[in-house]
Amino acid sequence: HVQLVESGGGLVQPGGSLGLSCVASGYTSRRICMGWFRQAPGKEREGVARFASSGTTDYADSVKGRFTLSKDNTKNTLYLQMNSLKPEDTAMYYCAADFSGARSWGLGTQVTVS
């Protein structure tokens, strides 16, 4: 079972930037797909960015050009750099990992743009 711990959320003004991190543990293979989701109050959880199994990096249309997904395999860490933040980016952000046919979730980190 993969364990995920997110950090880096907080309060930022519109137009500002934040960087999120997700440290993963509990797996022994590089064959893991990871990404970020978010859920705003009263809304469904939605995908934000992910490294797909095909090797591509996928972004939600709403964040393209503003958010950048990256990873450091030596540190088992996934990053999400968020620039030009908007109030509508306010949500709980969750790290997710698909490994061995199962999806694991972190507890989330709150991002508030106001």
C-alpha atoms as a PDB file:
ATOM      1  CA  HIS A   1       0.000   0.000   0.000  1.00  0.00           C
ATOM      2  CA  VAL A   2       1.403   3.342  -1.064  1.00  0.00           C
ATOM      3  CA  GLN A   3       1.492   6.108   1.534  1.00  0.00           C
ATOM      4  CA  LEU A   4       1.305   9.715   0.407  1.00  0.00           C
ATOM      5  CA  VAL A   5       1.955  12.855   2.438  1.00  0.00           C
ATOM      6  CA  GLU A   6       1.205  16.267   0.951  1.00  0.00           C
ATOM      7  CA  SER A   7       2.534  19.618   2.078  1.00  0.00           C
ATOM      8  CA  GLY A   8       2.831  23.189   0.881  1.00  0.00           C
ATOM      9  CA  GLY A   9      -0.714  24.476   0.916  1.00  0.00           C
ATOM     10  CA  GLY A  10      -1.709  27.793   2.401  1.00  0.00           C
ATOM     11  CA  LEU A  11      -3.317  31.166   1.852  1.00  0.00           C
ATOM     12  CA  VAL A  12      -2.191  33.259  -1.099  1.00  0.00           C
ATOM     13  CA  GLN A  13      -3.490  36.357  -2.853  1.00  0.00           C
ATOM     14  CA  PRO A  14      -4.825  36.168  -6.426  1.00  0.00           C
ATOM     15  CA  GLY A  15      -1.940  36.182  -8.863  1.00  0.00           C
ATOM     16  CA  GLY A  16       0.385  34.607  -6.352  1.00  0.00           C
ATOM     17  CA  SER A  17       2.200  31.276  -6.370  1.00  0.00           C
ATOM     18  CA  LEU A  18       2.380  28.159  -4.226  1.00  0.00           C
ATOM     19  CA  GLY A  19       4.285  24.925  -4.493  1.00  0.00           C
ATOM     20  CA  LEU A  20       2.879  21.616  -3.311  1.00  0.00           C
ATOM     21  CA  SER A  21       4.887  18.498  -2.515  1.00  0.00           C
ATOM     22  CA  CYS A  22       3.857  14.865  -2.132  1.00  0.00           C
ATOM     23  CA  VAL A  23       6.225  12.318  -0.641  1.00  0.00           C
ATOM     24  CA  ALA A  24       5.438   8.717  -1.520  1.00  0.00           C
ATOM     25  CA  SER A  25       6.500   5.557   0.262  1.00  0.00           C
ATOM     26  CA  GLY A  26       5.566   1.903   0.423  1.00  0.00           C
ATOM     27  CA  TYR A  27       6.338   0.846  -3.132  1.00  0.00           C
ATOM     28  CA  THR A  28       9.350  -0.776  -4.709  1.00  0.00           C
ATOM     29  CA  SER A  29       8.944  -0.109  -8.406  1.00  0.00           C
ATOM     30  CA  ARG A  30       9.145   2.870 -10.709  1.00  0.00           C
ATOM     31  CA  ARG A  31       5.936   1.662 -12.353  1.00  0.00           C
ATOM     32  CA  ILE A  32       3.797   4.087 -10.453  1.00  0.00           C
ATOM     33  CA  CYS A  33       1.625   6.842 -11.877  1.00  0.00           C
ATOM     34  CA  MET A  34       1.091   9.901  -9.742  1.00  0.00           C
ATOM     35  CA  GLY A  35      -0.901  13.069  -9.981  1.00  0.00           C
ATOM     36  CA  TRP A  36      -2.842  15.785  -8.205  1.00  0.00           C
ATOM     37  CA  PHE A  37      -6.571  16.170  -7.742  1.00  0.00           C
ATOM     38  CA  ARG A  38      -8.552  18.893  -6.025  1.00  0.00           C
ATOM     39  CA  GLN A  39     -11.956  19.274  -4.462  1.00  0.00           C
ATOM     40  CA  ALA A  40     -13.662  22.554  -3.743  1.00  0.00           C
ATOM     41  CA  PRO A  41     -16.555  22.799  -1.262  1.00  0.00           C
ATOM     42  CA  GLY A  42     -19.749  21.500  -2.811  1.00  0.00           C
ATOM     43  CA  LYS A  43     -17.983  20.221  -5.919  1.00  0.00           C
ATOM     44  CA  GLU A  44     -16.728  16.864  -7.123  1.00  0.00           C
ATOM     45  CA  ARG A  45     -13.085  15.939  -6.969  1.00  0.00           C
ATOM     46  CA  GLU A  46     -11.355  16.734 -10.246  1.00  0.00           C
ATOM     47  CA  GLY A  47      -8.040  15.895 -11.798  1.00  0.00           C
ATOM     48  CA  VAL A  48      -5.508  18.712 -11.939  1.00  0.00           C
ATOM     49  CA  ALA A  49      -2.331  17.191 -13.356  1.00  0.00           C
ATOM     50  CA  ARG A  50      -0.822  13.762 -13.699  1.00  0.00           C
ATOM     51  CA  PHE A  51       2.013  11.745 -15.146  1.00  0.00           C
ATOM     52  CA  ALA A  52       0.179   9.214 -17.296  1.00  0.00           C
ATOM     53  CA  SER A  53       1.335   5.622 -17.817  1.00  0.00           C
ATOM     54  CA  SER A  54       1.956   6.526 -21.464  1.00  0.00           C
ATOM     55  CA  GLY A  55       4.662   8.932 -20.347  1.00  0.00           C
ATOM     56  CA  THR A  56       2.729  12.107 -21.073  1.00  0.00           C
ATOM     57  CA  THR A  57       1.950  14.861 -18.622  1.00  0.00           C
ATOM     58  CA  ASP A  58      -1.713  15.786 -18.589  1.00  0.00           C
ATOM     59  CA  TYR A  59      -3.213  19.000 -17.219  1.00  0.00           C
ATOM     60  CA  ALA A  60      -6.779  20.105 -16.695  1.00  0.00           C
ATOM     61  CA  ASP A  61      -7.684  22.850 -19.139  1.00  0.00           C
ATOM     62  CA  SER A  62      -8.326  25.231 -16.255  1.00  0.00           C
ATOM     63  CA  VAL A  63      -4.686  25.066 -15.087  1.00  0.00           C
ATOM     64  CA  LYS A  64      -2.758  24.729 -18.355  1.00  0.00           C
ATOM     65  CA  GLY A  65      -0.027  27.322 -18.615  1.00  0.00           C
ATOM     66  CA  ARG A  66      -0.228  28.143 -14.901  1.00  0.00           C
ATOM     67  CA  PHE A  67       0.562  24.872 -13.107  1.00  0.00           C
ATOM     68  CA  THR A  68       3.613  22.694 -13.620  1.00  0.00           C
ATOM     69  CA  LEU A  69       3.936  19.077 -12.540  1.00  0.00           C
ATOM     70  CA  SER A  70       7.350  17.637 -11.784  1.00  0.00           C
ATOM     71  CA  LYS A  71       8.941  14.832  -9.782  1.00  0.00           C
ATOM     72  CA  ASP A  72      12.188  13.830  -8.174  1.00  0.00           C
ATOM     73  CA  ASN A  73      12.530  10.054  -8.309  1.00  0.00           C
ATOM     74  CA  THR A  74      15.535  10.129  -5.976  1.00  0.00           C
ATOM     75  CA  LYS A  75      13.320  11.640  -3.272  1.00  0.00           C
ATOM     76  CA  ASN A  76      10.090   9.796  -4.224  1.00  0.00           C
ATOM     77  CA  THR A  77       8.482  13.231  -4.374  1.00  0.00           C
ATOM     78  CA  LEU A  78       5.900  14.742  -6.692  1.00  0.00           C
ATOM     79  CA  TYR A  79       5.617  18.513  -7.024  1.00  0.00           C
ATOM     80  CA  LEU A  80       2.976  20.900  -8.272  1.00  0.00           C
ATOM     81  CA  GLN A  81       4.071  24.471  -8.889  1.00  0.00           C
ATOM     82  CA  MET A  82       1.051  26.748  -9.086  1.00  0.00           C
ATOM     83  CA  ASN A  83       1.435  30.235 -10.531  1.00  0.00           C
ATOM     84  CA  SER A  84      -1.037  32.995 -11.344  1.00  0.00           C
ATOM     85  CA  LEU A  85      -3.437  31.548  -8.824  1.00  0.00           C
ATOM     86  CA  LYS A  86      -7.103  32.460  -9.033  1.00  0.00           C
ATOM     87  CA  PRO A  87      -9.857  32.371  -6.412  1.00  0.00           C
ATOM     88  CA  GLU A  88     -11.388  29.441  -8.290  1.00  0.00           C
ATOM     89  CA  ASP A  89      -8.244  27.425  -7.555  1.00  0.00           C
ATOM     90  CA  THR A  90      -9.292  27.351  -3.908  1.00  0.00           C
ATOM     91  CA  ALA A  91      -9.710  23.710  -2.920  1.00  0.00           C
ATOM     92  CA  MET A  92      -8.297  20.822  -0.969  1.00  0.00           C
ATOM     93  CA  TYR A  93      -5.515  19.358  -3.087  1.00  0.00           C
ATOM     94  CA  TYR A  94      -4.891  15.625  -2.983  1.00  0.00           C
ATOM     95  CA  CYS A  95      -1.975  13.583  -4.212  1.00  0.00           C
ATOM     96  CA  ALA A  96      -2.879  10.243  -5.803  1.00  0.00           C
ATOM     97  CA  ALA A  97      -0.852   7.243  -6.888  1.00  0.00           C
ATOM     98  CA  ASP A  98      -1.823   4.290  -9.065  1.00  0.00           C
ATOM     99  CA  PHE A  99       0.289   1.217  -8.351  1.00  0.00           C
ATOM    100  CA  SER A 100      -0.390  -2.502  -8.782  1.00  0.00           C
ATOM    101  CA  GLY A 101      -3.987  -1.907  -9.773  1.00  0.00           C
ATOM    102  CA  ALA A 102      -4.884   0.218  -6.767  1.00  0.00           C
ATOM    103  CA  ARG A 103      -5.177   3.950  -6.193  1.00  0.00           C
ATOM    104  CA  SER A 104      -3.907   5.532  -3.000  1.00  0.00           C
ATOM    105  CA  TRP A 105      -4.724   9.010  -1.704  1.00  0.00           C
ATOM    106  CA  GLY A 106      -3.039  11.428   0.607  1.00  0.00           C
ATOM    107  CA  LEU A 107      -4.967  13.333   3.270  1.00  0.00           C
ATOM    108  CA  GLY A 108      -4.791  16.542   1.280  1.00  0.00           C
ATOM    109  CA  THR A 109      -3.494  20.057   1.727  1.00  0.00           C
ATOM    110  CA  GLN A 110      -5.675  23.165   1.642  1.00  0.00           C
ATOM    111  CA  VAL A 111      -5.048  25.905  -0.899  1.00  0.00           C
ATOM    112  CA  THR A 112      -6.954  29.139  -0.446  1.00  0.00           C
ATOM    113  CA  VAL A 113      -6.677  32.000  -2.926  1.00  0.00           C
ATOM    114  CA  SER A 114      -8.187  35.163  -1.521  1.00  0.00           C
END
